[in-house]
Protein backbone atom coordinates (compact mmCIF):
# COMPACT_ATOMS: atom_id res chain seq x y z
CA MET A 1 41.01 342.96 23.66
CA LYS A 2 38.43 345.72 23.75
CA ILE A 3 36.61 345.32 27.06
CA LEU A 4 33.47 347.28 27.93
CA ILE A 5 32.26 347.23 31.55
CA THR A 6 29.08 348.64 33.05
CA GLY A 7 28.40 348.99 36.75
CA ILE A 8 27.16 351.65 39.13
CA ASN A 9 30.20 351.52 41.45
CA PHE A 10 33.80 352.21 40.46
CA ALA A 11 37.03 353.85 41.60
CA PRO A 12 37.75 356.00 43.52
CA GLU A 13 35.21 354.35 45.87
CA LEU A 14 37.13 352.76 48.73
CA THR A 15 34.89 349.86 49.73
CA GLY A 16 32.72 347.16 48.23
CA ILE A 17 32.02 346.64 44.55
CA GLY A 18 33.57 349.94 43.42
CA LYS A 19 36.94 348.95 44.84
CA TYR A 20 37.00 345.60 43.05
CA SER A 21 35.60 346.88 39.75
CA GLY A 22 38.22 349.63 39.78
CA GLU A 23 41.08 347.25 40.49
CA MET A 24 39.85 344.80 37.84
CA ALA A 25 39.61 347.44 35.11
CA GLN A 26 42.96 349.02 35.97
CA TRP A 27 44.69 345.62 36.07
CA LEU A 28 43.33 344.73 32.62
CA ALA A 29 44.37 348.12 31.22
CA ALA A 30 47.88 347.62 32.63
CA LYS A 31 48.04 344.33 30.70
CA GLY A 32 47.54 346.23 27.45
CA HIS A 33 43.80 345.78 26.91
CA GLN A 34 41.56 348.67 25.88
CA VAL A 35 39.11 349.11 28.75
CA LYS A 36 36.07 351.36 28.96
CA ILE A 37 33.59 351.55 31.84
CA VAL A 38 30.18 353.19 31.97
CA THR A 39 29.52 354.03 35.60
CA ALA A 40 28.18 356.64 38.03
CA PRO A 41 29.96 359.36 39.99
CA PRO A 42 31.42 357.97 43.24
CA TYR A 43 28.89 358.11 46.08
CA TYR A 44 29.28 354.91 48.11
CA PRO A 45 29.21 354.12 51.02
CA GLU A 46 28.39 357.68 52.19
CA TRP A 47 25.33 357.88 49.87
CA LYS A 48 26.56 361.30 48.83
CA VAL A 49 28.28 362.18 45.54
CA SER A 50 31.96 362.87 46.16
CA LYS A 51 33.41 366.35 45.91
CA GLY A 52 34.50 367.21 42.39
CA TYR A 53 31.76 365.10 40.76
CA SER A 54 28.19 365.91 39.72
CA ALA A 55 25.13 363.73 40.21
CA TRP A 56 23.35 365.39 37.27
CA GLN A 57 25.93 365.68 34.50
CA TYR A 58 27.66 363.30 32.11
CA SER A 59 31.45 363.39 32.29
CA HIS A 60 34.52 361.53 31.08
CA GLU A 61 37.90 360.93 32.70
CA LEU A 62 40.91 358.64 32.39
CA ILE A 63 41.89 356.61 35.48
CA GLU A 64 45.03 354.47 35.29
CA GLY A 65 44.52 353.84 31.58
CA VAL A 66 40.78 353.15 31.88
CA SER A 67 38.33 355.31 29.90
CA VAL A 68 35.61 356.19 32.42
CA TRP A 69 32.19 357.54 31.41
CA ARG A 70 30.20 358.94 34.36
CA CYS A 71 26.40 359.04 34.03
CA PRO A 72 23.86 360.94 36.15
CA LEU A 73 21.90 359.25 38.92
CA TRP A 74 19.71 360.11 41.87
CA VAL A 75 21.30 359.41 45.27
CA PRO A 76 18.88 359.30 48.23
CA SER A 77 20.37 360.52 51.49
CA LYS A 78 18.44 357.88 53.44
CA PRO A 79 18.01 354.84 51.18
CA SER A 80 14.95 352.62 51.66
CA GLY A 81 13.47 349.85 49.51
CA LEU A 82 11.62 352.04 47.02
CA LYS A 83 14.29 354.74 47.06
CA ARG A 84 16.99 352.17 46.30
CA LEU A 85 14.99 350.92 43.32
CA LEU A 86 14.57 354.44 41.95
CA HIS A 87 18.25 355.11 42.57
CA LEU A 88 19.32 352.06 40.56
CA LEU A 89 16.74 352.72 37.86
CA SER A 90 17.95 356.31 37.43
CA PHE A 91 21.44 355.05 36.59
CA ALA A 92 20.15 352.30 34.31
CA LEU A 93 18.21 354.87 32.28
CA SER A 94 20.95 357.51 32.13
CA SER A 95 23.66 355.00 31.23
CA ALA A 96 21.70 353.27 28.43
CA PRO A 97 22.49 355.86 25.71
CA VAL A 98 26.19 355.82 26.57
CA MET A 99 26.24 352.02 26.49
CA LEU A 100 24.42 351.88 23.15
CA ALA A 101 26.91 354.34 21.67
CA GLN A 102 29.69 351.83 22.39
CA ILE A 103 28.29 349.50 19.73
CA PHE A 104 30.30 351.56 17.21
CA TRP A 105 33.47 350.92 19.28
CA ARG A 106 32.86 347.20 18.68
CA PRO A 107 34.04 345.71 22.01
CA ASP A 108 35.15 342.09 22.17
CA VAL A 109 33.58 341.48 25.58
CA VAL A 110 30.83 343.34 27.48
CA ILE A 111 30.87 342.83 31.25
CA ALA A 112 27.93 343.82 33.45
CA ILE A 113 28.50 344.03 37.21
CA GLU A 114 25.50 343.19 39.42
CA PRO A 115 24.18 344.99 41.33
CA PRO A 116 22.42 346.63 39.64
CA LEU A 117 20.62 344.00 37.60
CA PHE A 118 18.79 346.83 35.81
CA CYS A 119 21.92 347.42 33.69
CA ALA A 120 22.19 343.83 32.48
CA PRO A 121 19.59 344.00 29.65
CA VAL A 122 21.32 346.91 27.89
CA ALA A 123 24.73 345.25 28.36
CA TRP A 124 23.41 342.09 26.70
CA VAL A 125 21.87 344.07 23.83
CA VAL A 126 25.14 345.96 23.25
CA ALA A 127 27.05 342.68 23.17
CA LYS A 128 24.65 341.17 20.64
CA LEU A 129 24.59 344.19 18.35
CA SER A 130 28.37 344.62 18.40
CA GLY A 131 29.19 340.93 18.01
CA ALA A 132 30.81 340.77 21.46
CA LYS A 133 30.66 338.07 24.11
CA SER A 134 28.56 338.89 27.20
CA TRP A 135 29.65 338.32 30.81
CA LEU A 136 27.54 338.98 33.93
CA HIS A 137 29.45 339.17 37.22
CA ILE A 138 27.30 338.91 40.37
CA GLN A 139 28.74 340.48 43.51
CA ASP A 140 25.52 339.78 45.41
CA PHE A 141 22.08 338.44 44.63
CA GLU A 142 20.40 341.79 45.15
CA LEU A 143 16.83 340.64 44.51
CA ASP A 144 16.93 337.73 46.96
CA ALA A 145 18.66 339.90 49.55
CA ALA A 146 16.15 342.75 49.11
CA PHE A 147 13.17 340.45 49.67
CA ASN A 148 14.81 338.63 52.60
CA LEU A 149 15.67 341.93 54.30
CA GLY A 150 12.18 343.32 53.75
CA LEU A 151 13.38 346.09 51.45
CA LEU A 152 10.96 344.72 48.84
CA ASN A 153 7.67 342.94 49.58
CA GLY A 154 4.84 341.10 47.91
CA ASP A 155 4.59 337.56 46.51
CA MET A 156 3.63 338.71 43.04
CA THR A 157 6.44 341.27 42.98
CA LYS A 158 8.92 338.62 44.07
CA LYS A 159 7.79 336.08 41.46
CA SER A 160 7.96 338.66 38.69
CA ALA A 161 11.37 339.95 39.75
CA LEU A 162 12.92 336.50 40.06
CA TYR A 163 11.45 335.43 36.70
CA PHE A 164 13.00 338.53 35.11
CA GLU A 165 16.32 337.63 36.75
CA CYS A 166 16.27 334.03 35.50
CA CYS A 167 15.49 335.16 31.95
CA LEU A 168 18.49 337.50 32.02
CA LEU A 169 20.86 334.93 33.51
CA SER A 170 20.04 332.51 30.71
CA LYS A 171 21.11 334.97 28.01
CA PHE A 172 24.71 335.76 29.03
CA ASP A 173 27.59 333.73 27.59
CA THR A 174 29.26 333.60 31.02
CA VAL A 175 27.89 334.25 34.50
CA SER A 176 30.34 334.53 37.39
CA THR A 177 30.04 335.09 41.10
CA ILE A 178 32.28 335.31 44.15
CA SER A 179 31.72 332.18 46.29
CA GLN A 180 30.96 328.48 45.95
CA LYS A 181 27.55 328.80 47.63
CA MET A 182 26.62 331.67 45.31
CA LEU A 183 27.76 329.51 42.39
CA ALA A 184 25.31 326.85 43.59
CA GLN A 185 22.62 329.56 43.66
CA LEU A 186 23.25 330.15 39.96
CA ALA A 187 22.67 326.49 39.21
CA ALA A 188 19.48 326.59 41.30
CA LYS A 189 18.31 329.51 39.17
CA GLY A 190 18.72 327.41 36.05
CA VAL A 191 22.06 328.64 34.70
CA ASP A 192 23.97 325.97 32.77
CA VAL A 193 26.95 324.96 34.91
CA GLN A 194 29.15 325.13 31.79
CA ARG A 195 28.57 328.90 31.74
CA CYS A 196 29.15 329.43 35.49
CA VAL A 197 32.51 330.70 36.71
CA LEU A 198 33.90 331.30 40.19
CA LEU A 199 35.50 334.76 40.30
CA PRO A 200 36.18 335.55 43.98
CA ASN A 201 37.15 338.93 45.31
CA TRP A 202 40.85 339.27 45.95
CA VAL A 203 43.49 341.00 48.01
CA ASP A 204 46.81 342.54 47.01
CA LEU A 205 49.06 340.51 49.30
CA SER A 206 52.10 342.64 48.47
CA SER A 207 50.44 345.69 50.06
CA PHE A 208 50.70 344.01 53.49
CA ASN A 209 54.49 344.20 53.37
CA LEU A 210 54.60 347.36 55.49
CA GLU A 211 58.34 347.99 55.82
CA GLY A 212 58.68 351.75 56.22
CA LYS A 213 55.03 352.37 55.23
CA THR A 214 53.13 351.95 58.48
CA VAL A 215 50.64 354.42 59.89
CA ASP A 216 50.43 354.40 63.71
CA PHE A 217 46.67 354.38 64.22
CA ARG A 218 47.03 353.30 67.86
CA THR A 219 48.91 356.49 68.71
CA GLN A 220 46.43 358.59 66.73
CA LEU A 221 43.56 357.12 68.74
CA GLY A 222 45.41 357.11 72.07
CA ILE A 223 45.17 353.34 72.53
CA PRO A 224 47.96 351.83 74.70
CA SER A 225 49.99 348.95 73.29
CA ASP A 226 48.76 346.50 75.95
CA VAL A 227 45.09 347.03 75.04
CA VAL A 228 43.39 344.53 72.71
CA VAL A 229 41.78 346.22 69.70
CA ALA A 230 38.61 344.68 68.21
CA MET A 231 37.83 346.30 64.85
CA TYR A 232 35.04 346.58 62.33
CA SER A 233 36.09 348.25 59.09
CA GLY A 234 34.00 348.75 55.97
CA ASN A 235 30.57 349.70 54.75
CA MET A 236 28.03 350.40 57.48
CA GLY A 237 24.80 349.29 55.82
CA LYS A 238 21.75 347.19 56.53
CA LYS A 239 23.17 343.86 55.33
CA GLN A 240 26.00 344.07 57.86
CA GLY A 241 23.87 343.65 60.97
CA LEU A 242 25.80 346.43 62.73
CA GLU A 243 23.23 346.80 65.51
CA ILE A 244 25.00 344.00 67.36
CA LEU A 245 28.31 345.88 67.65
CA GLY A 246 27.15 348.49 70.16
CA GLU A 247 25.76 345.77 72.42
CA VAL A 248 28.98 343.74 72.16
CA ALA A 249 31.04 346.79 73.12
CA ARG A 250 28.75 347.39 76.10
CA ILE A 251 29.10 343.80 77.31
CA CYS A 252 32.89 343.92 76.94
CA GLN A 253 33.14 347.00 79.18
CA SER A 254 32.58 344.68 82.12
CA PRO A 255 35.22 342.22 83.39
CA ALA A 256 34.67 338.84 81.73
CA ARG A 257 35.11 335.28 82.85
CA VAL A 258 36.74 333.25 80.11
CA GLU A 259 34.95 330.02 79.24
CA GLN A 260 36.15 326.58 80.33
CA GLY A 261 38.10 327.93 83.28
CA ASP A 262 40.88 329.36 81.14
CA ALA A 263 43.68 330.79 83.25
CA PHE A 264 44.27 333.81 81.03
CA PRO A 265 43.01 337.11 82.48
CA THR A 266 40.82 339.11 80.11
CA PRO A 267 42.64 342.30 79.11
CA ASN A 268 41.15 345.70 78.44
CA ILE A 269 39.38 345.74 75.05
CA ARG A 270 38.84 348.79 72.86
CA PHE A 271 36.56 348.79 69.84
CA VAL A 272 37.41 350.66 66.64
CA PHE A 273 34.60 351.12 64.11
CA CYS A 274 35.89 352.46 60.80
CA GLY A 275 33.69 353.25 57.83
CA SER A 276 30.67 355.04 56.47
CA GLY A 277 27.19 354.15 55.34
CA ALA A 278 23.48 354.39 55.97
CA GLY A 279 23.77 352.58 59.32
CA LYS A 280 26.61 354.61 60.84
CA GLU A 281 24.41 357.22 62.51
CA ASP A 282 22.49 354.56 64.46
CA LEU A 283 25.72 352.82 65.48
CA VAL A 284 27.26 356.07 66.74
CA LEU A 285 24.09 356.74 68.74
CA SER A 286 24.10 353.26 70.30
CA CYS A 287 27.73 353.75 71.42
CA SER A 288 27.39 357.35 72.63
CA HIS A 289 27.53 356.31 76.30
CA LEU A 290 30.51 353.94 75.90
CA ASP A 291 34.10 354.96 76.61
CA ASN A 292 35.68 351.88 74.99
CA VAL A 293 34.65 352.74 71.41
CA HIS A 294 36.52 354.80 68.79
CA PHE A 295 35.15 355.82 65.39
CA LEU A 296 37.24 356.42 62.27
CA ASP A 297 36.26 357.59 58.80
CA LEU A 298 37.13 355.47 55.78
CA GLN A 299 40.87 355.48 55.19
CA PRO A 300 42.74 355.78 51.86
CA LEU A 301 43.54 352.41 50.29
CA GLU A 302 47.26 352.87 50.89
CA HIS A 303 46.56 353.06 54.64
CA LEU A 304 44.26 350.04 54.74
CA PRO A 305 46.96 347.41 55.52
CA SER A 306 48.19 349.49 58.49
CA LEU A 307 44.64 349.93 59.70
CA LEU A 308 43.78 346.23 59.48
CA GLN A 309 47.02 345.18 61.17
CA MET A 310 46.35 347.56 64.07
CA ALA A 311 43.53 345.21 65.08
CA ASP A 312 44.07 342.22 67.32
CA ILE A 313 40.63 340.86 66.45
CA HIS A 314 38.40 341.64 63.47
CA LEU A 315 34.61 341.77 63.76
CA LEU A 316 32.40 340.59 60.92
CA PRO A 317 28.68 340.78 61.76
CA GLN A 318 26.18 339.74 59.12
CA ARG A 319 22.44 339.21 59.10
CA ALA A 320 21.14 335.67 58.61
CA GLU A 321 18.74 336.88 55.91
CA VAL A 322 21.59 337.43 53.44
CA GLU A 323 23.73 334.39 54.20
CA ASP A 324 25.11 332.85 51.01
CA LEU A 325 23.48 335.63 48.95
CA VAL A 326 26.51 337.85 49.54
CA MET A 327 30.09 337.23 50.63
CA PRO A 328 31.60 340.07 52.69
CA SER A 329 34.19 341.75 50.48
CA LYS A 330 36.12 342.92 53.55
CA LEU A 331 36.96 339.28 54.44
CA THR A 332 39.87 339.13 51.98
CA GLY A 333 41.72 342.00 53.68
CA ILE A 334 40.92 340.66 57.14
CA LEU A 335 42.52 337.30 56.37
CA ALA A 336 45.54 338.89 54.68
CA SER A 337 46.15 341.02 57.78
CA GLY A 338 47.03 337.91 59.77
CA ARG A 339 44.48 338.64 62.50
CA PRO A 340 41.64 336.36 63.67
CA VAL A 341 38.00 337.19 63.05
CA VAL A 342 34.76 336.80 64.98
CA ALA A 343 31.84 336.50 62.56
CA SER A 344 28.08 336.12 62.64
CA ALA A 345 27.31 333.04 60.58
CA ARG A 346 25.36 329.83 60.81
CA ALA A 347 27.12 326.49 60.50
CA GLY A 348 27.22 325.24 56.92
CA THR A 349 27.26 328.67 55.29
CA GLU A 350 30.30 329.58 53.22
CA LEU A 351 31.28 332.37 55.60
CA ALA A 352 31.26 329.94 58.53
CA THR A 353 33.28 327.39 56.54
CA VAL A 354 36.01 329.95 55.89
CA VAL A 355 35.95 331.55 59.33
CA GLU A 356 36.17 328.30 61.31
CA GLN A 357 39.71 327.91 59.93
CA CYS A 358 40.88 331.33 61.08
CA GLY A 359 38.56 332.58 63.80
CA VAL A 360 35.25 332.00 65.54
CA PHE A 361 31.69 332.16 64.24
CA VAL A 362 28.53 332.54 66.31
CA GLU A 363 24.81 332.57 65.55
CA PRO A 364 23.71 335.82 63.86
CA GLY A 365 22.09 338.26 66.27
CA ASP A 366 23.50 336.64 69.45
CA SER A 367 25.34 339.54 71.07
CA ASN A 368 26.25 337.56 74.21
CA ALA A 369 27.90 334.77 72.20
CA PHE A 370 29.65 337.34 69.99
CA ALA A 371 30.99 339.21 73.03
CA ALA A 372 32.12 335.95 74.68
CA ALA A 373 34.05 335.00 71.53
CA VAL A 374 35.77 338.41 71.50
CA GLN A 375 36.65 338.12 75.20
CA ASN A 376 38.03 334.59 74.82
CA LEU A 377 40.24 335.61 71.91
CA ALA A 378 41.34 338.76 73.73
CA ALA A 379 42.49 336.61 76.65
CA ASN A 380 44.60 334.22 74.57
CA ALA A 381 47.35 335.81 72.47
CA LEU A 382 48.65 332.42 71.24
CA MET A 383 45.23 331.45 69.91
CA ARG A 384 44.98 334.81 68.16
CA LYS A 385 48.37 334.28 66.51
CA ASN A 386 47.60 330.74 65.36
CA LEU A 387 44.23 331.67 63.91
CA GLY A 388 45.65 334.82 62.29
CA ASP A 389 48.47 332.85 60.67
CA ALA A 390 45.94 330.33 59.35
CA GLY A 391 43.88 333.15 57.84
CA LYS A 392 46.89 334.66 56.14
CA GLN A 393 47.81 331.30 54.66
CA PHE A 394 44.22 330.83 53.45
CA SER A 395 44.27 334.23 51.73
CA GLU A 396 47.56 333.38 50.00
CA HIS A 397 46.05 330.17 48.62
CA HIS A 398 42.61 331.47 47.64
CA PHE A 399 42.54 335.27 47.32
CA ASP A 400 45.80 336.30 45.65
CA LYS A 401 45.03 339.20 43.33
CA GLU A 402 47.52 338.31 40.60
CA LYS A 403 46.38 334.70 40.35
CA ILE A 404 42.66 335.51 40.33
CA LEU A 405 42.90 338.28 37.75
CA SER A 406 45.31 336.28 35.57
CA ASP A 407 42.79 333.41 35.53
CA PHE A 408 40.03 335.92 34.72
CA GLU A 409 42.04 337.35 31.83
CA GLY A 410 42.61 333.85 30.51
CA ARG A 411 38.87 333.16 30.50
CA LEU A 412 38.19 336.43 28.69
CA LEU A 413 40.74 335.50 26.01
CA GLY A 414 39.17 332.04 25.84
CA LEU A 415 35.83 333.59 24.97
């Protein structure tokens, strides 16, 4: 097949949508398909264009058999609601000519990755004019999330934006998203269920076989082997609700009493926060007086399994305003690492449904409950092992990269 993809994020970005779009395109190319992507220079999650790339020039490169067209965009150093809109719009405008030129390539399928939704109209037009099938893949409902988080405001603006979204959703041959609750959101927005597809994010389970490939992050950070490590790893942005982490680390500096009279003593707990993003500066500031916190920059993908398996407990904060509008992409790696997770989620949400099988969830924004959950897990190694094993088994059944992408390829061929 000839497969044309458009999306603002792509390899070599290490987290979020860029990671998954890159892996998807490279996997399809390795299967013998001709794959092109129209994207931006890598800039996420640092909100700074990576060295060796230009924010203001068009360029072309070949990555693992994928033909990659890079288009200019404006990257704000401190993204806000209006700045984010202008940022996305700048890419939508600069990428439109490159996308329209692909009509002469005559792709079989045109895939638009949301966000940004701004790119979907041109993708649909290119599909129609070239006789291709159109596929919209939604990584998060950016409009709903933006209004819920207060990044965008105004009733009239919201009604207009959501109407525009519904019109677009109705035009694509296939619309996919990454969780069951988000699939239900598609139906609520009027998309015919026959055109809705579940396409969850995945994890390369084979990469967690670390024989002879481990990186000793504990030694690098000077953390003794008997200390429990609680880790957050990934994008440090507004949707993550990172403000709770500094408070949790502060609470866990003090000796804790484990709930229900548990006989296990609470061990020393160190926190490792690994990543980059618009919220990192505030998190570093909130932890500046704490001696139980370590910060790491984003690590290369080949080191990610070692990093995740260094943790004894994973931390997954999330704001209530975006529940079931996004599904944390980092969850797949967390579960595959065989370590339990403490998450911010309300009962009944998809995140809570997954986490209750392999960790603990607490009400979003409740730092005391979050800290208590961390302390209880830190005090009980057997509970950590059982929950971690359950998470690994869940990832094998639901998030295996080869199975998910093979099913995806089959649906593309079916179109």
